[in-house]
Amino acid sequence: MSRWSRPKRLSWIASPFAIWGLHFFGIYSIQGLVCARGWQAGGAWAGIGVATLAAFAAVAWIGLRARRLAGADGEPAEKRFAARLVAMLSLLSLVAMVFTIVPALLLHPCE
């Protein structure tokens, strides 16, 4: 089997959306805990901000790494294709995170 095996490539392709999914779960879990336990909204917004910055940084790192690999000469065509795909999916995942975070930041918890 080659160094660039299919399971590794598949997990690399799925990683931006896995991070987005964890971000989505985390944001709305924080919102739910604030409502259920009566925590302060400021703490919720701080937690949401930290989770969002971490998720944005992770997806941006994956996307930039993929973009750099997509433009590399001498790499096999299938590896460059997977890198282009990951770069585009990373961009789409960043847009999805923005759509996830906007309602959480604009509305107070429990409204």
PDB file of N, CA and C in Angstrom:
ATOM      1  N   MET A   1       0.848  -1.173   0.000  1.00  0.00           N
ATOM      2  CA  MET A   1       0.000   0.000   0.000  1.00  0.00           C
ATOM      3  C   MET A   1       0.893   1.236   0.000  1.00  0.00           C
ATOM      4  N   SER A   2       0.471   2.246  -0.698  1.00  0.00           N
ATOM      5  CA  SER A   2       1.285   3.453  -0.817  1.00  0.00           C
ATOM      6  C   SER A   2       1.298   4.247   0.487  1.00  0.00           C
ATOM      7  N   ARG A   3       2.220   5.203   0.534  1.00  0.00           N
ATOM      8  CA  ARG A   3       2.334   6.067   1.709  1.00  0.00           C
ATOM      9  C   ARG A   3       1.069   6.899   1.894  1.00  0.00           C
ATOM     10  N   TRP A   4       0.406   7.213   0.822  1.00  0.00           N
ATOM     11  CA  TRP A   4      -0.808   8.038   0.837  1.00  0.00           C
ATOM     12  C   TRP A   4      -1.999   7.103   0.717  1.00  0.00           C
ATOM     13  N   SER A   5      -2.346   6.440   1.795  1.00  0.00           N
ATOM     14  CA  SER A   5      -3.379   5.420   1.751  1.00  0.00           C
ATOM     15  C   SER A   5      -4.775   6.031   1.783  1.00  0.00           C
ATOM     16  N   ARG A   6      -5.740   5.251   1.355  1.00  0.00           N
ATOM     17  CA  ARG A   6      -7.122   5.735   1.273  1.00  0.00           C
ATOM     18  C   ARG A   6      -7.718   6.146   2.626  1.00  0.00           C
ATOM     19  N   PRO A   7      -7.552   5.372   3.704  1.00  0.00           N
ATOM     20  CA  PRO A   7      -8.146   5.819   4.978  1.00  0.00           C
ATOM     21  C   PRO A   7      -7.596   7.168   5.438  1.00  0.00           C
ATOM     22  N   LYS A   8      -6.303   7.380   5.251  1.00  0.00           N
ATOM     23  CA  LYS A   8      -5.706   8.653   5.649  1.00  0.00           C
ATOM     24  C   LYS A   8      -6.275   9.786   4.800  1.00  0.00           C
ATOM     25  N   ARG A   9      -6.408   9.555   3.508  1.00  0.00           N
ATOM     26  CA  ARG A   9      -6.945  10.573   2.612  1.00  0.00           C
ATOM     27  C   ARG A   9      -8.410  10.876   2.947  1.00  0.00           C
ATOM     28  N   LEU A  10      -9.182   9.853   3.242  1.00  0.00           N
ATOM     29  CA  LEU A  10     -10.595  10.055   3.572  1.00  0.00           C
ATOM     30  C   LEU A  10     -10.751  10.846   4.867  1.00  0.00           C
ATOM     31  N   SER A  11      -9.948  10.533   5.857  1.00  0.00           N
ATOM     32  CA  SER A  11     -10.043  11.286   7.114  1.00  0.00           C
ATOM     33  C   SER A  11      -9.594  12.730   6.917  1.00  0.00           C
ATOM     34  N   TRP A  12      -8.615  12.962   6.033  1.00  0.00           N
ATOM     35  CA  TRP A  12      -8.168  14.320   5.739  1.00  0.00           C
ATOM     36  C   TRP A  12      -9.286  15.106   5.034  1.00  0.00           C
ATOM     37  N   ILE A  13      -9.977  14.464   4.109  1.00  0.00           N
ATOM     38  CA  ILE A  13     -11.068  15.114   3.394  1.00  0.00           C
ATOM     39  C   ILE A  13     -12.225  15.425   4.348  1.00  0.00           C
ATOM     40  N   ALA A  14     -12.496  14.551   5.285  1.00  0.00           N
ATOM     41  CA  ALA A  14     -13.620  14.745   6.206  1.00  0.00           C
ATOM     42  C   ALA A  14     -13.297  15.675   7.374  1.00  0.00           C
ATOM     43  N   SER A  15     -12.035  15.973   7.602  1.00  0.00           N
ATOM     44  CA  SER A  15     -11.651  16.718   8.803  1.00  0.00           C
ATOM     45  C   SER A  15     -12.262  18.118   8.917  1.00  0.00           C
ATOM     46  N   PRO A  16     -12.396  18.935   7.850  1.00  0.00           N
ATOM     47  CA  PRO A  16     -13.030  20.248   8.054  1.00  0.00           C
ATOM     48  C   PRO A  16     -14.471  20.143   8.543  1.00  0.00           C
ATOM     49  N   PHE A  17     -15.226  19.188   8.010  1.00  0.00           N
ATOM     50  CA  PHE A  17     -16.611  19.047   8.438  1.00  0.00           C
ATOM     51  C   PHE A  17     -16.718  18.377   9.804  1.00  0.00           C
ATOM     52  N   ALA A  18     -15.760  17.554  10.160  1.00  0.00           N
ATOM     53  CA  ALA A  18     -15.751  16.989  11.516  1.00  0.00           C
ATOM     54  C   ALA A  18     -15.524  18.106  12.540  1.00  0.00           C
ATOM     55  N   ILE A  19     -14.626  19.020  12.235  1.00  0.00           N
ATOM     56  CA  ILE A  19     -14.382  20.150  13.131  1.00  0.00           C
ATOM     57  C   ILE A  19     -15.615  21.040  13.194  1.00  0.00           C
ATOM     58  N   TRP A  20     -16.243  21.298  12.055  1.00  0.00           N
ATOM     59  CA  TRP A  20     -17.469  22.096  12.058  1.00  0.00           C
ATOM     60  C   TRP A  20     -18.551  21.422  12.909  1.00  0.00           C
ATOM     61  N   GLY A  21     -18.697  20.113  12.770  1.00  0.00           N
ATOM     62  CA  GLY A  21     -19.694  19.382  13.549  1.00  0.00           C
ATOM     63  C   GLY A  21     -19.426  19.469  15.046  1.00  0.00           C
ATOM     64  N   LEU A  22     -18.169  19.346  15.437  1.00  0.00           N
ATOM     65  CA  LEU A  22     -17.827  19.501  16.850  1.00  0.00           C
ATOM     66  C   LEU A  22     -18.091  20.925  17.323  1.00  0.00           C
ATOM     67  N   HIS A  23     -17.814  21.897  16.463  1.00  0.00           N
ATOM     68  CA  HIS A  23     -18.083  23.294  16.803  1.00  0.00           C
ATOM     69  C   HIS A  23     -19.585  23.505  16.991  1.00  0.00           C
ATOM     70  N   PHE A  24     -20.372  22.999  16.068  1.00  0.00           N
ATOM     71  CA  PHE A  24     -21.832  23.111  16.147  1.00  0.00           C
ATOM     72  C   PHE A  24     -22.345  22.505  17.450  1.00  0.00           C
ATOM     73  N   PHE A  25     -21.887  21.294  17.747  1.00  0.00           N
ATOM     74  CA  PHE A  25     -22.291  20.605  18.965  1.00  0.00           C
ATOM     75  C   PHE A  25     -21.883  21.401  20.202  1.00  0.00           C
ATOM     76  N   GLY A  26     -20.664  21.910  20.209  1.00  0.00           N
ATOM     77  CA  GLY A  26     -20.161  22.655  21.355  1.00  0.00           C
ATOM     78  C   GLY A  26     -20.901  23.955  21.597  1.00  0.00           C
ATOM     79  N   ILE A  27     -21.181  24.690  20.529  1.00  0.00           N
ATOM     80  CA  ILE A  27     -21.855  25.976  20.656  1.00  0.00           C
ATOM     81  C   ILE A  27     -23.256  25.794  21.240  1.00  0.00           C
ATOM     82  N   TYR A  28     -24.003  24.882  20.687  1.00  0.00           N
ATOM     83  CA  TYR A  28     -25.369  24.700  21.155  1.00  0.00           C
ATOM     84  C   TYR A  28     -25.432  23.942  22.474  1.00  0.00           C
ATOM     85  N   SER A  29     -24.395  23.188  22.813  1.00  0.00           N
ATOM     86  CA  SER A  29     -24.327  22.590  24.154  1.00  0.00           C
ATOM     87  C   SER A  29     -24.105  23.674  25.198  1.00  0.00           C
ATOM     88  N   ILE A  30     -23.234  24.614  24.888  1.00  0.00           N
ATOM     89  CA  ILE A  30     -23.015  25.739  25.808  1.00  0.00           C
ATOM     90  C   ILE A  30     -24.301  26.530  25.979  1.00  0.00           C
ATOM     91  N   GLN A  31     -25.002  26.788  24.887  1.00  0.00           N
ATOM     92  CA  GLN A  31     -26.276  27.513  24.966  1.00  0.00           C
ATOM     93  C   GLN A  31     -27.277  26.756  25.849  1.00  0.00           C
ATOM     94  N   GLY A  32     -27.360  25.464  25.658  1.00  0.00           N
ATOM     95  CA  GLY A  32     -28.289  24.658  26.446  1.00  0.00           C
ATOM     96  C   GLY A  32     -27.930  24.619  27.923  1.00  0.00           C
ATOM     97  N   LEU A  33     -26.639  24.526  28.223  1.00  0.00           N
ATOM     98  CA  LEU A  33     -26.221  24.527  29.621  1.00  0.00           C
ATOM     99  C   LEU A  33     -26.505  25.865  30.291  1.00  0.00           C
ATOM    100  N   VAL A  34     -26.339  26.949  29.561  1.00  0.00           N
ATOM    101  CA  VAL A  34     -26.639  28.269  30.119  1.00  0.00           C
ATOM    102  C   VAL A  34     -28.120  28.353  30.472  1.00  0.00           C
ATOM    103  N   CYS A  35     -28.968  27.853  29.597  1.00  0.00           N
ATOM    104  CA  CYS A  35     -30.413  27.881  29.869  1.00  0.00           C
ATOM    105  C   CYS A  35     -30.785  26.956  31.025  1.00  0.00           C
ATOM    106  N   ALA A  36     -30.253  25.756  31.025  1.00  0.00           N
ATOM    107  CA  ALA A  36     -30.644  24.761  32.011  1.00  0.00           C
ATOM    108  C   ALA A  36     -30.109  25.066  33.403  1.00  0.00           C
ATOM    109  N   ARG A  37     -28.920  25.593  33.476  1.00  0.00           N
ATOM    110  CA  ARG A  37     -28.288  25.790  34.782  1.00  0.00           C
ATOM    111  C   ARG A  37     -28.318  27.226  35.270  1.00  0.00           C
ATOM    112  N   GLY A  38     -28.795  28.139  34.435  1.00  0.00           N
ATOM    113  CA  GLY A  38     -28.892  29.528  34.848  1.00  0.00           C
ATOM    114  C   GLY A  38     -27.562  30.257  34.922  1.00  0.00           C
ATOM    115  N   TRP A  39     -26.606  29.852  34.094  1.00  0.00           N
ATOM    116  CA  TRP A  39     -25.308  30.515  34.091  1.00  0.00           C
ATOM    117  C   TRP A  39     -25.422  31.907  33.498  1.00  0.00           C
ATOM    118  N   GLN A  40     -24.429  32.717  33.691  1.00  0.00           N
ATOM    119  CA  GLN A  40     -24.392  34.065  33.137  1.00  0.00           C
ATOM    120  C   GLN A  40     -24.157  34.014  31.620  1.00  0.00           C
ATOM    121  N   ALA A  41     -24.801  34.925  30.906  1.00  0.00           N
ATOM    122  CA  ALA A  41     -24.661  34.960  29.444  1.00  0.00           C
ATOM    123  C   ALA A  41     -23.252  35.358  29.033  1.00  0.00           C
ATOM    124  N   GLY A  42     -22.577  36.178  29.821  1.00  0.00           N
ATOM    125  CA  GLY A  42     -21.212  36.580  29.491  1.00  0.00           C
ATOM    126  C   GLY A  42     -20.255  35.406  29.446  1.00  0.00           C
ATOM    127  N   GLY A  43     -20.425  34.480  30.371  1.00  0.00           N
ATOM    128  CA  GLY A  43     -19.604  33.272  30.368  1.00  0.00           C
ATOM    129  C   GLY A  43     -19.877  32.405  29.152  1.00  0.00           C
ATOM    130  N   ALA A  44     -21.139  32.362  28.753  1.00  0.00           N
ATOM    131  CA  ALA A  44     -21.504  31.589  27.562  1.00  0.00           C
ATOM    132  C   ALA A  44     -20.864  32.191  26.322  1.00  0.00           C
ATOM    133  N   TRP A  45     -20.921  33.512  26.220  1.00  0.00           N
ATOM    134  CA  TRP A  45     -20.328  34.156  25.047  1.00  0.00           C
ATOM    135  C   TRP A  45     -18.812  33.998  25.027  1.00  0.00           C
ATOM    136  N   ALA A  46     -18.190  34.000  26.200  1.00  0.00           N
ATOM    137  CA  ALA A  46     -16.744  33.770  26.255  1.00  0.00           C
ATOM    138  C   ALA A  46     -16.414  32.344  25.792  1.00  0.00           C
ATOM    139  N   GLY A  47     -17.187  31.370  26.269  1.00  0.00           N
ATOM    140  CA  GLY A  47     -16.967  29.991  25.840  1.00  0.00           C
ATOM    141  C   GLY A  47     -17.213  29.794  24.362  1.00  0.00           C
ATOM    142  N   ILE A  48     -18.248  30.442  23.858  1.00  0.00           N
ATOM    143  CA  ILE A  48     -18.551  30.360  22.429  1.00  0.00           C
ATOM    144  C   ILE A  48     -17.426  30.991  21.615  1.00  0.00           C
ATOM    145  N   GLY A  49     -16.920  32.118  22.098  1.00  0.00           N
ATOM    146  CA  GLY A  49     -15.823  32.791  21.393  1.00  0.00           C
ATOM    147  C   GLY A  49     -14.564  31.950  21.345  1.00  0.00           C
ATOM    148  N   VAL A  50     -14.207  31.330  22.463  1.00  0.00           N
ATOM    149  CA  VAL A  50     -13.015  30.484  22.511  1.00  0.00           C
ATOM    150  C   VAL A  50     -13.182  29.268  21.604  1.00  0.00           C
ATOM    151  N   ALA A  51     -14.348  28.634  21.660  1.00  0.00           N
ATOM    152  CA  ALA A  51     -14.602  27.466  20.809  1.00  0.00           C
ATOM    153  C   ALA A  51     -14.555  27.844  19.332  1.00  0.00           C
ATOM    154  N   THR A  52     -15.098  29.007  19.005  1.00  0.00           N
ATOM    155  CA  THR A  52     -15.107  29.445  17.609  1.00  0.00           C
ATOM    156  C   THR A  52     -13.709  29.765  17.122  1.00  0.00           C
ATOM    157  N   LEU A  53     -12.928  30.462  17.921  1.00  0.00           N
ATOM    158  CA  LEU A  53     -11.555  30.769  17.514  1.00  0.00           C
ATOM    159  C   LEU A  53     -10.729  29.504  17.326  1.00  0.00           C
ATOM    160  N   ALA A  54     -10.894  28.544  18.219  1.00  0.00           N
ATOM    161  CA  ALA A  54     -10.157  27.279  18.087  1.00  0.00           C
ATOM    162  C   ALA A  54     -10.571  26.522  16.826  1.00  0.00           C
ATOM    163  N   ALA A  55     -11.871  26.469  16.558  1.00  0.00           N
ATOM    164  CA  ALA A  55     -12.353  25.759  15.372  1.00  0.00           C
ATOM    165  C   ALA A  55     -11.919  26.474  14.090  1.00  0.00           C
ATOM    166  N   PHE A  56     -12.024  27.815  14.074  1.00  0.00           N
ATOM    167  CA  PHE A  56     -11.572  28.569  12.904  1.00  0.00           C
ATOM    168  C   PHE A  56     -10.088  28.339  12.650  1.00  0.00           C
ATOM    169  N   ALA A  57      -9.279  28.371  13.708  1.00  0.00           N
ATOM    170  CA  ALA A  57      -7.838  28.174  13.555  1.00  0.00           C
ATOM    171  C   ALA A  57      -7.519  26.783  13.006  1.00  0.00           C
ATOM    172  N   ALA A  58      -8.207  25.773  13.515  1.00  0.00           N
ATOM    173  CA  ALA A  58      -7.955  24.402  13.055  1.00  0.00           C
ATOM    174  C   ALA A  58      -8.333  24.230  11.591  1.00  0.00           C
ATOM    175  N   VAL A  59      -9.500  24.723  11.199  1.00  0.00           N
ATOM    176  CA  VAL A  59      -9.946  24.574   9.807  1.00  0.00           C
ATOM    177  C   VAL A  59      -9.074  25.420   8.874  1.00  0.00           C
ATOM    178  N   ALA A  60      -8.697  26.614   9.315  1.00  0.00           N
ATOM    179  CA  ALA A  60      -7.829  27.449   8.480  1.00  0.00           C
ATOM    180  C   ALA A  60      -6.468  26.792   8.285  1.00  0.00           C
ATOM    181  N   TRP A  61      -5.937  26.187   9.325  1.00  0.00           N
ATOM    182  CA  TRP A  61      -4.659  25.489   9.203  1.00  0.00           C
ATOM    183  C   TRP A  61      -4.757  24.327   8.220  1.00  0.00           C
ATOM    184  N   ILE A  62      -5.822  23.552   8.316  1.00  0.00           N
ATOM    185  CA  ILE A  62      -6.021  22.438   7.388  1.00  0.00           C
ATOM    186  C   ILE A  62      -6.156  22.961   5.959  1.00  0.00           C
ATOM    187  N   GLY A  63      -6.953  24.024   5.779  1.00  0.00           N
ATOM    188  CA  GLY A  63      -7.164  24.575   4.444  1.00  0.00           C
ATOM    189  C   GLY A  63      -5.899  25.153   3.840  1.00  0.00           C
ATOM    190  N   LEU A  64      -5.109  25.868   4.622  1.00  0.00           N
ATOM    191  CA  LEU A  64      -3.859  26.439   4.099  1.00  0.00           C
ATOM    192  C   LEU A  64      -2.846  25.351   3.774  1.00  0.00           C
ATOM    193  N   ARG A  65      -2.791  24.344   4.611  1.00  0.00           N
ATOM    194  CA  ARG A  65      -1.899  23.214   4.333  1.00  0.00           C
ATOM    195  C   ARG A  65      -2.308  22.510   3.040  1.00  0.00           C
ATOM    196  N   ALA A  66      -3.616  22.336   2.861  1.00  0.00           N
ATOM    197  CA  ALA A  66      -4.119  21.680   1.647  1.00  0.00           C
ATOM    198  C   ALA A  66      -3.853  22.541   0.415  1.00  0.00           C
ATOM    199  N   ARG A  67      -4.048  23.842   0.540  1.00  0.00           N
ATOM    200  CA  ARG A  67      -3.816  24.734  -0.599  1.00  0.00           C
ATOM    201  C   ARG A  67      -2.351  24.716  -1.022  1.00  0.00           C
ATOM    202  N   ARG A  68      -1.454  24.689  -0.027  1.00  0.00           N
ATOM    203  CA  ARG A  68      -0.025  24.636  -0.335  1.00  0.00           C
ATOM    204  C   ARG A  68       0.323  23.321  -1.037  1.00  0.00           C
ATOM    205  N   LEU A  69      -0.279  22.229  -0.597  1.00  0.00           N
ATOM    206  CA  LEU A  69      -0.014  20.927  -1.213  1.00  0.00           C
ATOM    207  C   LEU A  69      -0.630  20.834  -2.605  1.00  0.00           C
ATOM    208  N   ALA A  70      -1.765  21.493  -2.826  1.00  0.00           N
ATOM    209  CA  ALA A  70      -2.430  21.436  -4.133  1.00  0.00           C
ATOM    210  C   ALA A  70      -1.587  22.098  -5.216  1.00  0.00           C
ATOM    211  N   GLY A  71      -0.802  23.093  -4.847  1.00  0.00           N
ATOM    212  CA  GLY A  71       0.030  23.785  -5.827  1.00  0.00           C
ATOM    213  C   GLY A  71       1.428  23.219  -5.974  1.00  0.00           C
ATOM    214  N   ALA A  72       1.732  22.162  -5.239  1.00  0.00           N
ATOM    215  CA  ALA A  72       3.079  21.586  -5.273  1.00  0.00           C
ATOM    216  C   ALA A  72       3.296  20.790  -6.554  1.00  0.00           C
ATOM    217  N   ASP A  73       4.401  21.050  -7.188  1.00  0.00           N
ATOM    218  CA  ASP A  73       4.774  20.274  -8.378  1.00  0.00           C
ATOM    219  C   ASP A  73       5.419  18.969  -7.933  1.00  0.00           C
ATOM    220  N   GLY A  74       5.278  17.972  -8.757  1.00  0.00           N
ATOM    221  CA  GLY A  74       5.891  16.692  -8.472  1.00  0.00           C
ATOM    222  C   GLY A  74       5.043  15.759  -7.626  1.00  0.00           C
ATOM    223  N   GLU A  75       3.899  16.213  -7.150  1.00  0.00           N
ATOM    224  CA  GLU A  75       3.006  15.345  -6.381  1.00  0.00           C
ATOM    225  C   GLU A  75       2.089  14.589  -7.347  1.00  0.00           C
ATOM    226  N   PRO A  76       1.642  13.397  -6.976  1.00  0.00           N
ATOM    227  CA  PRO A  76       0.705  12.668  -7.832  1.00  0.00           C
ATOM    228  C   PRO A  76      -0.602  13.449  -8.013  1.00  0.00           C
ATOM    229  N   ALA A  77      -1.238  13.230  -9.150  1.00  0.00           N
ATOM    230  CA  ALA A  77      -2.463  13.968  -9.473  1.00  0.00           C
ATOM    231  C   ALA A  77      -3.572  13.703  -8.452  1.00  0.00           C
ATOM    232  N   GLU A  78      -3.687  12.471  -7.976  1.00  0.00           N
ATOM    233  CA  GLU A  78      -4.755  12.180  -7.013  1.00  0.00           C
ATOM    234  C   GLU A  78      -4.506  12.883  -5.677  1.00  0.00           C
ATOM    235  N   LYS A  79      -3.264  13.061  -5.300  1.00  0.00           N
ATOM    236  CA  LYS A  79      -2.947  13.770  -4.068  1.00  0.00           C
ATOM    237  C   LYS A  79      -3.246  15.261  -4.213  1.00  0.00           C
ATOM    238  N   ARG A  80      -2.931  15.829  -5.379  1.00  0.00           N
ATOM    239  CA  ARG A  80      -3.240  17.249  -5.615  1.00  0.00           C
ATOM    240  C   ARG A  80      -4.747  17.472  -5.683  1.00  0.00           C
ATOM    241  N   PHE A  81      -5.478  16.518  -6.285  1.00  0.00           N
ATOM    242  CA  PHE A  81      -6.939  16.624  -6.332  1.00  0.00           C
ATOM    243  C   PHE A  81      -7.532  16.591  -4.927  1.00  0.00           C
ATOM    244  N   ALA A  82      -7.065  15.663  -4.107  1.00  0.00           N
ATOM    245  CA  ALA A  82      -7.558  15.581  -2.728  1.00  0.00           C
ATOM    246  C   ALA A  82      -7.225  16.867  -1.971  1.00  0.00           C
ATOM    247  N   ALA A  83      -6.060  17.435  -2.231  1.00  0.00           N
ATOM    248  CA  ALA A  83      -5.680  18.678  -1.559  1.00  0.00           C
ATOM    249  C   ALA A  83      -6.583  19.830  -1.993  1.00  0.00           C
ATOM    250  N   ARG A  84      -6.892  19.919  -3.281  1.00  0.00           N
ATOM    251  CA  ARG A  84      -7.829  20.959  -3.746  1.00  0.00           C
ATOM    252  C   ARG A  84      -9.202  20.779  -3.115  1.00  0.00           C
ATOM    253  N   LEU A  85      -9.648  19.542  -3.040  1.00  0.00           N
ATOM    254  CA  LEU A  85     -10.945  19.251  -2.431  1.00  0.00           C
ATOM    255  C   LEU A  85     -10.964  19.654  -0.964  1.00  0.00           C
ATOM    256  N   VAL A  86      -9.920  19.335  -0.233  1.00  0.00           N
ATOM    257  CA  VAL A  86      -9.851  19.700   1.188  1.00  0.00           C
ATOM    258  C   VAL A  86      -9.812  21.210   1.350  1.00  0.00           C
ATOM    259  N   ALA A  87      -9.100  21.911   0.471  1.00  0.00           N
ATOM    260  CA  ALA A  87      -9.055  23.369   0.556  1.00  0.00           C
ATOM    261  C   ALA A  87     -10.440  23.972   0.332  1.00  0.00           C
ATOM    262  N   MET A  88     -11.170  23.467  -0.649  1.00  0.00           N
ATOM    263  CA  MET A  88     -12.527  23.982  -0.900  1.00  0.00           C
ATOM    264  C   MET A  88     -13.483  23.617   0.236  1.00  0.00           C
ATOM    265  N   LEU A  89     -13.377  22.408   0.763  1.00  0.00           N
ATOM    266  CA  LEU A  89     -14.233  22.001   1.873  1.00  0.00           C
ATOM    267  C   LEU A  89     -13.910  22.790   3.141  1.00  0.00           C
ATOM    268  N   SER A  90     -12.654  23.171   3.302  1.00  0.00           N
ATOM    269  CA  SER A  90     -12.287  24.003   4.446  1.00  0.00           C
ATOM    270  C   SER A  90     -12.942  25.370   4.346  1.00  0.00           C
ATOM    271  N   LEU A  91     -12.946  25.935   3.160  1.00  0.00           N
ATOM    272  CA  LEU A  91     -13.606  27.220   2.963  1.00  0.00           C
ATOM    273  C   LEU A  91     -15.105  27.103   3.233  1.00  0.00           C
ATOM    274  N   LEU A  92     -15.716  26.057   2.730  1.00  0.00           N
ATOM    275  CA  LEU A  92     -17.143  25.826   2.972  1.00  0.00           C
ATOM    276  C   LEU A  92     -17.425  25.613   4.459  1.00  0.00           C
ATOM    277  N   SER A  93     -16.535  24.930   5.140  1.00  0.00           N
ATOM    278  CA  SER A  93     -16.698  24.709   6.570  1.00  0.00           C
ATOM    279  C   SER A  93     -16.585  26.013   7.351  1.00  0.00           C
ATOM    280  N   LEU A  94     -15.706  26.910   6.936  1.00  0.00           N
ATOM    281  CA  LEU A  94     -15.600  28.215   7.593  1.00  0.00           C
ATOM    282  C   LEU A  94     -16.887  29.020   7.413  1.00  0.00           C
ATOM    283  N   VAL A  95     -17.469  28.958   6.222  1.00  0.00           N
ATOM    284  CA  VAL A  95     -18.739  29.644   5.981  1.00  0.00           C
ATOM    285  C   VAL A  95     -19.834  29.027   6.854  1.00  0.00           C
ATOM    286  N   ALA A  96     -19.845  27.705   6.969  1.00  0.00           N
ATOM    287  CA  ALA A  96     -20.845  27.032   7.813  1.00  0.00           C
ATOM    288  C   ALA A  96     -20.684  27.437   9.275  1.00  0.00           C
ATOM    289  N   MET A  97     -19.443  27.627   9.727  1.00  0.00           N
ATOM    290  CA  MET A  97     -19.225  28.060  11.106  1.00  0.00           C
ATOM    291  C   MET A  97     -19.736  29.471  11.333  1.00  0.00           C
ATOM    292  N   VAL A  98     -19.599  30.320  10.343  1.00  0.00           N
ATOM    293  CA  VAL A  98     -20.131  31.680  10.474  1.00  0.00           C
ATOM    294  C   VAL A  98     -21.647  31.622  10.610  1.00  0.00           C
ATOM    295  N   PHE A  99     -22.306  30.803   9.787  1.00  0.00           N
ATOM    296  CA  PHE A  99     -23.755  30.667   9.883  1.00  0.00           C
ATOM    297  C   PHE A  99     -24.177  30.026  11.204  1.00  0.00           C
ATOM    298  N   THR A 100     -23.326  29.215  11.798  1.00  0.00           N
ATOM    299  CA  THR A 100     -23.627  28.607  13.086  1.00  0.00           C
ATOM    300  C   THR A 100     -23.495  29.620  14.217  1.00  0.00           C
ATOM    301  N   ILE A 101     -22.491  30.462  14.142  1.00  0.00           N
ATOM    302  CA  ILE A 101     -22.177  31.350  15.251  1.00  0.00           C
ATOM    303  C   ILE A 101     -23.046  32.606  15.283  1.00  0.00           C
ATOM    304  N   VAL A 102     -23.509  33.072  14.137  1.00  0.00           N
ATOM    305  CA  VAL A 102     -24.268  34.340  14.093  1.00  0.00           C
ATOM    306  C   VAL A 102     -25.520  34.299  14.972  1.00  0.00           C
ATOM    307  N   PRO A 103     -26.389  33.297  14.874  1.00  0.00           N
ATOM    308  CA  PRO A 103     -27.570  33.294  15.760  1.00  0.00           C
ATOM    309  C   PRO A 103     -27.199  33.175  17.233  1.00  0.00           C
ATOM    310  N   ALA A 104     -26.143  32.423  17.520  1.00  0.00           N
ATOM    311  CA  ALA A 104     -25.739  32.257  18.920  1.00  0.00           C
ATOM    312  C   ALA A 104     -25.234  33.566  19.514  1.00  0.00           C
ATOM    313  N   LEU A 105     -24.626  34.401  18.709  1.00  0.00           N
ATOM    314  CA  LEU A 105     -24.114  35.670  19.211  1.00  0.00           C
ATOM    315  C   LEU A 105     -25.166  36.789  19.191  1.00  0.00           C
ATOM    316  N   LEU A 106     -26.090  36.727  18.274  1.00  0.00           N
ATOM    317  CA  LEU A 106     -27.081  37.791  18.179  1.00  0.00           C
ATOM    318  C   LEU A 106     -28.224  37.663  19.187  1.00  0.00           C
ATOM    319  N   LEU A 107     -28.526  36.450  19.561  1.00  0.00           N
ATOM    320  CA  LEU A 107     -29.629  36.212  20.501  1.00  0.00           C
ATOM    321  C   LEU A 107     -29.070  35.866  21.872  1.00  0.00           C
ATOM    322  N   HIS A 108     -29.748  36.333  22.889  1.00  0.00           N
ATOM    323  CA  HIS A 108     -29.384  35.951  24.240  1.00  0.00           C
ATOM    324  C   HIS A 108     -29.784  34.496  24.462  1.00  0.00           C
ATOM    325  N   PRO A 109     -29.047  33.778  25.298  1.00  0.00           N
ATOM    326  CA  PRO A 109     -29.427  32.391  25.576  1.00  0.00           C
ATOM    327  C   PRO A 109     -30.858  32.314  26.137  1.00  0.00           C
ATOM    328  N   CYS A 110     -31.535  31.284  25.809  1.00  0.00           N
ATOM    329  CA  CYS A 110     -32.890  30.969  26.295  1.00  0.00           C
ATOM    330  C   CYS A 110     -33.970  31.864  25.684  1.00  0.00           C
ATOM    331  N   GLU A 111     -33.710  32.489  24.568  1.00  0.00           N
ATOM    332  CA  GLU A 111     -34.748  33.295  23.911  1.00  0.00           C
ATOM    333  C   GLU A 111     -35.327  32.545  22.753  1.00  0.00           C
TER     334      GLU A 111
END
